[in-house]
Amino acid sequence: MRSYAVPLALLADLVCVLSFVVIGKVDHDTGTAVPAVAATAWPFLAGALLGWVVTLAWRSPTRVWPTGVFVWAVTVSGGMVLRLFTGEGAPLSFAVVTSLFLAATMLGWRLIALLGARRSRRTA
């Protein structure tokens, strides 16, 4: 694995979370100033970091299974729990949208990486 693969993979997961938050803030017109984005994003960013630690994701950061699935699951569940502990709501509709968006993006970039790696192996 290339030396930059792990930091780029972590960055990709964090960008997925930040994209979710910014898109939600724009869609709901709740402000995209840095403090507003940070207040909403931090539980899910913490969840993503926890997911990386729990799964030892740096060993195979681009794998969809099990790395991507478990990082995604810990990101969503950890983020929801932290939101509840801090007094923020986590209604079912929010949990569903969060889960689907983060699954599509966090697993999606890994699928694209997998397909790219397979394609480059066939042409090599």
N, C-alpha and C. Protein backbone atom coordinates (compact mmCIF):
# COMPACT_ATOMS: atom_id res chain seq x y z
N MET A 1 0.85 -1.17 0.00
CA MET A 1 0.00 0.00 0.00
C MET A 1 0.89 1.24 0.00
N ARG A 2 0.51 2.19 -0.78
CA ARG A 2 1.28 3.43 -0.87
C ARG A 2 1.20 4.20 0.44
N SER A 3 2.24 4.97 0.72
CA SER A 3 2.33 5.69 1.99
C SER A 3 1.23 6.72 2.18
N TYR A 4 0.67 7.22 1.10
CA TYR A 4 -0.37 8.24 1.21
C TYR A 4 -1.77 7.64 1.23
N ALA A 5 -1.92 6.33 1.07
CA ALA A 5 -3.24 5.72 0.99
C ALA A 5 -4.03 5.85 2.29
N VAL A 6 -3.38 5.65 3.42
CA VAL A 6 -4.09 5.71 4.70
C VAL A 6 -4.57 7.12 5.00
N PRO A 7 -3.72 8.15 4.94
CA PRO A 7 -4.24 9.49 5.20
C PRO A 7 -5.32 9.92 4.21
N LEU A 8 -5.18 9.53 2.95
CA LEU A 8 -6.21 9.88 1.97
C LEU A 8 -7.53 9.17 2.26
N ALA A 9 -7.45 7.92 2.70
CA ALA A 9 -8.67 7.18 3.04
C ALA A 9 -9.37 7.81 4.24
N LEU A 10 -8.60 8.16 5.25
CA LEU A 10 -9.19 8.83 6.42
C LEU A 10 -9.80 10.16 6.00
N LEU A 11 -9.08 10.92 5.21
CA LEU A 11 -9.59 12.19 4.72
C LEU A 11 -10.89 12.00 3.93
N ALA A 12 -10.95 10.95 3.12
CA ALA A 12 -12.17 10.68 2.34
C ALA A 12 -13.36 10.44 3.27
N ASP A 13 -13.17 9.68 4.33
CA ASP A 13 -14.26 9.45 5.28
C ASP A 13 -14.69 10.74 5.96
N LEU A 14 -13.73 11.56 6.36
CA LEU A 14 -14.06 12.82 7.02
C LEU A 14 -14.76 13.78 6.07
N VAL A 15 -14.35 13.78 4.80
CA VAL A 15 -15.02 14.61 3.80
C VAL A 15 -16.46 14.14 3.58
N CYS A 16 -16.69 12.83 3.63
CA CYS A 16 -18.05 12.30 3.51
C CYS A 16 -18.93 12.88 4.63
N VAL A 17 -18.42 12.86 5.85
CA VAL A 17 -19.17 13.39 6.99
C VAL A 17 -19.41 14.89 6.82
N LEU A 18 -18.38 15.63 6.49
CA LEU A 18 -18.54 17.07 6.32
C LEU A 18 -19.47 17.41 5.17
N SER A 19 -19.44 16.65 4.10
CA SER A 19 -20.35 16.86 2.98
C SER A 19 -21.80 16.67 3.43
N PHE A 20 -22.04 15.61 4.19
CA PHE A 20 -23.37 15.35 4.72
C PHE A 20 -23.87 16.54 5.53
N VAL A 21 -23.03 17.04 6.40
CA VAL A 21 -23.43 18.14 7.28
C VAL A 21 -23.68 19.41 6.48
N VAL A 22 -22.77 19.76 5.58
CA VAL A 22 -22.93 21.00 4.81
C VAL A 22 -24.16 20.92 3.91
N ILE A 23 -24.37 19.80 3.25
CA ILE A 23 -25.55 19.64 2.40
C ILE A 23 -26.82 19.77 3.24
N GLY A 24 -26.84 19.15 4.40
CA GLY A 24 -27.99 19.25 5.28
C GLY A 24 -28.23 20.67 5.75
N LYS A 25 -27.18 21.36 6.10
CA LYS A 25 -27.31 22.75 6.56
C LYS A 25 -27.82 23.65 5.44
N VAL A 26 -27.33 23.46 4.24
CA VAL A 26 -27.80 24.26 3.10
C VAL A 26 -29.27 23.92 2.82
N ASP A 27 -29.59 22.63 2.80
CA ASP A 27 -30.95 22.19 2.50
C ASP A 27 -31.96 22.72 3.53
N HIS A 28 -31.57 22.75 4.78
CA HIS A 28 -32.47 23.20 5.85
C HIS A 28 -32.28 24.68 6.19
N ASP A 29 -31.38 25.34 5.48
CA ASP A 29 -31.12 26.78 5.67
C ASP A 29 -30.82 27.11 7.13
N THR A 30 -29.91 26.32 7.73
CA THR A 30 -29.56 26.53 9.14
C THR A 30 -28.18 27.13 9.32
N GLY A 31 -27.57 27.60 8.24
CA GLY A 31 -26.30 28.29 8.34
C GLY A 31 -25.11 27.39 8.13
N THR A 32 -24.18 27.88 7.33
CA THR A 32 -22.97 27.10 7.02
C THR A 32 -21.71 27.75 7.56
N ALA A 33 -21.85 28.63 8.53
CA ALA A 33 -20.67 29.20 9.18
C ALA A 33 -19.91 28.06 9.87
N VAL A 34 -18.63 28.23 9.99
CA VAL A 34 -17.78 27.18 10.57
C VAL A 34 -18.30 26.69 11.94
N PRO A 35 -18.68 27.58 12.86
CA PRO A 35 -19.17 27.07 14.15
C PRO A 35 -20.45 26.23 14.01
N ALA A 36 -21.34 26.62 13.10
CA ALA A 36 -22.58 25.86 12.91
C ALA A 36 -22.29 24.49 12.32
N VAL A 37 -21.40 24.43 11.35
CA VAL A 37 -21.02 23.14 10.74
C VAL A 37 -20.31 22.28 11.77
N ALA A 38 -19.38 22.86 12.51
CA ALA A 38 -18.63 22.11 13.52
C ALA A 38 -19.54 21.54 14.59
N ALA A 39 -20.53 22.33 15.01
CA ALA A 39 -21.44 21.87 16.07
C ALA A 39 -22.24 20.65 15.63
N THR A 40 -22.58 20.59 14.37
CA THR A 40 -23.34 19.44 13.87
C THR A 40 -22.41 18.29 13.50
N ALA A 41 -21.23 18.60 12.98
CA ALA A 41 -20.33 17.56 12.46
C ALA A 41 -19.56 16.81 13.52
N TRP A 42 -19.21 17.46 14.64
CA TRP A 42 -18.26 16.84 15.55
C TRP A 42 -18.68 15.45 16.04
N PRO A 43 -19.97 15.18 16.34
CA PRO A 43 -20.28 13.82 16.80
C PRO A 43 -19.98 12.75 15.75
N PHE A 44 -20.21 13.09 14.50
CA PHE A 44 -19.99 12.12 13.43
C PHE A 44 -18.52 12.03 13.05
N LEU A 45 -17.80 13.13 13.16
CA LEU A 45 -16.35 13.08 12.95
C LEU A 45 -15.71 12.22 14.04
N ALA A 46 -16.16 12.42 15.29
CA ALA A 46 -15.65 11.59 16.39
C ALA A 46 -16.02 10.13 16.16
N GLY A 47 -17.24 9.89 15.69
CA GLY A 47 -17.66 8.52 15.39
C GLY A 47 -16.80 7.89 14.31
N ALA A 48 -16.47 8.67 13.28
CA ALA A 48 -15.61 8.15 12.21
C ALA A 48 -14.22 7.81 12.73
N LEU A 49 -13.66 8.68 13.55
CA LEU A 49 -12.34 8.41 14.14
C LEU A 49 -12.39 7.17 15.04
N LEU A 50 -13.45 7.07 15.82
CA LEU A 50 -13.62 5.87 16.66
C LEU A 50 -13.74 4.63 15.78
N GLY A 51 -14.48 4.74 14.70
CA GLY A 51 -14.61 3.61 13.77
C GLY A 51 -13.26 3.18 13.21
N TRP A 52 -12.42 4.15 12.90
CA TRP A 52 -11.08 3.82 12.40
C TRP A 52 -10.26 3.09 13.46
N VAL A 53 -10.37 3.54 14.71
CA VAL A 53 -9.59 2.93 15.78
C VAL A 53 -10.11 1.51 16.08
N VAL A 54 -11.41 1.39 16.23
CA VAL A 54 -12.02 0.10 16.59
C VAL A 54 -11.75 -0.96 15.52
N THR A 55 -11.79 -0.56 14.26
CA THR A 55 -11.62 -1.53 13.17
C THR A 55 -10.18 -1.69 12.71
N LEU A 56 -9.28 -0.88 13.27
CA LEU A 56 -7.88 -0.85 12.80
C LEU A 56 -7.86 -0.59 11.29
N ALA A 57 -8.65 0.38 10.89
CA ALA A 57 -8.88 0.64 9.46
C ALA A 57 -7.61 0.93 8.68
N TRP A 58 -6.58 1.42 9.33
CA TRP A 58 -5.34 1.74 8.63
C TRP A 58 -4.69 0.51 8.03
N ARG A 59 -5.08 -0.68 8.48
CA ARG A 59 -4.52 -1.91 7.91
C ARG A 59 -5.03 -2.17 6.49
N SER A 60 -6.29 -1.86 6.25
CA SER A 60 -6.87 -2.03 4.91
C SER A 60 -7.99 -0.99 4.72
N PRO A 61 -7.60 0.27 4.62
CA PRO A 61 -8.58 1.36 4.65
C PRO A 61 -9.54 1.40 3.46
N THR A 62 -9.16 0.80 2.34
CA THR A 62 -10.01 0.89 1.16
C THR A 62 -10.94 -0.30 0.99
N ARG A 63 -10.85 -1.28 1.87
CA ARG A 63 -11.74 -2.45 1.75
C ARG A 63 -13.16 -2.07 2.14
N VAL A 64 -14.10 -2.52 1.33
CA VAL A 64 -15.51 -2.27 1.62
C VAL A 64 -15.93 -3.13 2.81
N TRP A 65 -15.58 -4.44 2.74
CA TRP A 65 -15.91 -5.36 3.82
C TRP A 65 -14.62 -5.92 4.38
N PRO A 66 -14.43 -5.93 5.64
CA PRO A 66 -15.31 -5.42 6.69
C PRO A 66 -15.03 -3.96 7.06
N THR A 67 -13.87 -3.44 6.62
CA THR A 67 -13.45 -2.11 7.08
C THR A 67 -14.51 -1.04 6.85
N GLY A 68 -14.91 -0.84 5.61
CA GLY A 68 -15.84 0.23 5.28
C GLY A 68 -17.18 0.10 5.99
N VAL A 69 -17.69 -1.11 6.02
CA VAL A 69 -19.00 -1.33 6.65
C VAL A 69 -18.94 -1.01 8.14
N PHE A 70 -17.91 -1.45 8.81
CA PHE A 70 -17.82 -1.21 10.26
C PHE A 70 -17.46 0.24 10.58
N VAL A 71 -16.61 0.86 9.77
CA VAL A 71 -16.32 2.28 9.99
C VAL A 71 -17.62 3.08 9.82
N TRP A 72 -18.38 2.77 8.78
CA TRP A 72 -19.66 3.44 8.55
C TRP A 72 -20.61 3.22 9.73
N ALA A 73 -20.74 1.98 10.18
CA ALA A 73 -21.67 1.66 11.27
C ALA A 73 -21.29 2.39 12.56
N VAL A 74 -20.01 2.42 12.87
CA VAL A 74 -19.56 3.11 14.09
C VAL A 74 -19.72 4.62 13.93
N THR A 75 -19.48 5.14 12.74
CA THR A 75 -19.67 6.57 12.49
C THR A 75 -21.11 6.97 12.76
N VAL A 76 -22.05 6.24 12.20
CA VAL A 76 -23.47 6.58 12.36
C VAL A 76 -23.93 6.36 13.79
N SER A 77 -23.67 5.18 14.33
CA SER A 77 -24.16 4.89 15.69
C SER A 77 -23.46 5.77 16.73
N GLY A 78 -22.16 5.95 16.58
CA GLY A 78 -21.44 6.82 17.52
C GLY A 78 -21.91 8.25 17.42
N GLY A 79 -22.11 8.74 16.21
CA GLY A 79 -22.59 10.10 16.02
C GLY A 79 -23.98 10.30 16.62
N MET A 80 -24.85 9.33 16.44
CA MET A 80 -26.21 9.44 17.00
C MET A 80 -26.18 9.43 18.53
N VAL A 81 -25.38 8.56 19.10
CA VAL A 81 -25.29 8.48 20.56
C VAL A 81 -24.72 9.79 21.12
N LEU A 82 -23.68 10.31 20.50
CA LEU A 82 -23.10 11.57 20.97
C LEU A 82 -24.10 12.72 20.84
N ARG A 83 -24.88 12.73 19.76
CA ARG A 83 -25.91 13.76 19.62
C ARG A 83 -26.92 13.67 20.77
N LEU A 84 -27.33 12.47 21.10
CA LEU A 84 -28.30 12.29 22.18
C LEU A 84 -27.71 12.69 23.53
N PHE A 85 -26.47 12.32 23.78
CA PHE A 85 -25.82 12.67 25.05
C PHE A 85 -25.64 14.17 25.22
N THR A 86 -25.52 14.89 24.10
CA THR A 86 -25.32 16.34 24.19
C THR A 86 -26.63 17.11 24.08
N GLY A 87 -27.75 16.41 24.09
CA GLY A 87 -29.05 17.07 24.08
C GLY A 87 -29.60 17.39 22.70
N GLU A 88 -28.89 17.00 21.68
CA GLU A 88 -29.39 17.19 20.31
C GLU A 88 -30.36 16.05 20.00
N GLY A 89 -31.26 16.31 19.13
CA GLY A 89 -32.21 15.27 18.73
C GLY A 89 -31.61 14.32 17.71
N ALA A 90 -32.21 13.17 17.62
CA ALA A 90 -31.84 12.18 16.60
C ALA A 90 -33.11 11.47 16.16
N PRO A 91 -34.04 12.23 15.53
CA PRO A 91 -35.28 11.60 15.10
C PRO A 91 -35.02 10.52 14.06
N LEU A 92 -35.96 9.62 13.93
CA LEU A 92 -35.80 8.49 13.02
C LEU A 92 -35.48 8.95 11.60
N SER A 93 -36.16 9.98 11.13
CA SER A 93 -35.91 10.45 9.76
C SER A 93 -34.47 10.93 9.60
N PHE A 94 -33.94 11.60 10.61
CA PHE A 94 -32.54 12.06 10.57
C PHE A 94 -31.59 10.86 10.57
N ALA A 95 -31.89 9.87 11.40
CA ALA A 95 -31.05 8.68 11.46
C ALA A 95 -31.04 7.92 10.14
N VAL A 96 -32.19 7.84 9.50
CA VAL A 96 -32.28 7.13 8.22
C VAL A 96 -31.50 7.87 7.14
N VAL A 97 -31.71 9.18 7.04
CA VAL A 97 -31.01 9.97 6.02
C VAL A 97 -29.50 9.94 6.27
N THR A 98 -29.11 10.08 7.53
CA THR A 98 -27.69 10.01 7.87
C THR A 98 -27.09 8.67 7.46
N SER A 99 -27.77 7.60 7.82
CA SER A 99 -27.28 6.25 7.50
C SER A 99 -27.14 6.04 6.01
N LEU A 100 -28.15 6.44 5.26
CA LEU A 100 -28.13 6.22 3.81
C LEU A 100 -27.07 7.07 3.12
N PHE A 101 -27.01 8.35 3.48
CA PHE A 101 -26.01 9.23 2.85
C PHE A 101 -24.60 8.75 3.16
N LEU A 102 -24.32 8.47 4.42
CA LEU A 102 -22.97 8.04 4.78
C LEU A 102 -22.64 6.67 4.22
N ALA A 103 -23.62 5.78 4.10
CA ALA A 103 -23.36 4.48 3.46
C ALA A 103 -23.00 4.69 2.00
N ALA A 104 -23.78 5.52 1.31
CA ALA A 104 -23.52 5.76 -0.11
C ALA A 104 -22.14 6.37 -0.33
N THR A 105 -21.76 7.30 0.51
CA THR A 105 -20.49 7.99 0.28
C THR A 105 -19.29 7.23 0.85
N MET A 106 -19.41 6.76 2.09
CA MET A 106 -18.26 6.08 2.72
C MET A 106 -17.99 4.71 2.09
N LEU A 107 -19.04 4.02 1.69
CA LEU A 107 -18.84 2.75 1.01
C LEU A 107 -18.62 2.99 -0.49
N GLY A 108 -19.22 4.05 -1.00
CA GLY A 108 -19.10 4.35 -2.42
C GLY A 108 -17.68 4.65 -2.85
N TRP A 109 -16.97 5.47 -2.08
CA TRP A 109 -15.60 5.78 -2.50
C TRP A 109 -14.73 4.52 -2.42
N ARG A 110 -15.05 3.65 -1.48
CA ARG A 110 -14.28 2.39 -1.37
C ARG A 110 -14.57 1.48 -2.56
N LEU A 111 -15.83 1.42 -3.00
CA LEU A 111 -16.15 0.63 -4.18
C LEU A 111 -15.43 1.15 -5.42
N ILE A 112 -15.40 2.47 -5.55
CA ILE A 112 -14.69 3.06 -6.68
C ILE A 112 -13.20 2.72 -6.62
N ALA A 113 -12.62 2.79 -5.43
CA ALA A 113 -11.20 2.43 -5.26
C ALA A 113 -10.97 0.96 -5.60
N LEU A 114 -11.88 0.09 -5.17
CA LEU A 114 -11.77 -1.34 -5.46
C LEU A 114 -11.82 -1.59 -6.95
N LEU A 115 -12.78 -0.99 -7.62
CA LEU A 115 -12.90 -1.17 -9.07
C LEU A 115 -11.68 -0.63 -9.80
N GLY A 116 -11.17 0.51 -9.34
CA GLY A 116 -9.97 1.07 -9.95
C GLY A 116 -8.77 0.17 -9.77
N ALA A 117 -8.63 -0.41 -8.57
CA ALA A 117 -7.50 -1.31 -8.30
C ALA A 117 -7.59 -2.58 -9.17
N ARG A 118 -8.80 -3.10 -9.29
CA ARG A 118 -8.98 -4.31 -10.12
C ARG A 118 -8.67 -4.00 -11.57
N ARG A 119 -9.11 -2.85 -12.02
CA ARG A 119 -8.88 -2.47 -13.41
C ARG A 119 -7.39 -2.29 -13.69
N SER A 120 -6.68 -1.66 -12.76
CA SER A 120 -5.24 -1.44 -12.98
C SER A 120 -4.47 -2.74 -12.91
N ARG A 121 -4.94 -3.71 -12.11
CA ARG A 121 -4.28 -5.02 -12.07
C ARG A 121 -4.46 -5.77 -13.39
N ARG A 122 -5.63 -5.62 -14.00
CA ARG A 122 -5.89 -6.30 -15.28
C ARG A 122 -5.06 -5.70 -16.41
N THR A 123 -4.82 -4.41 -16.36
CA THR A 123 -4.06 -3.77 -17.43
C THR A 123 -2.56 -3.83 -17.20
N ALA A 124 -2.14 -4.24 -16.01
CA ALA A 124 -0.70 -4.29 -15.71
C ALA A 124 -0.07 -5.55 -16.23
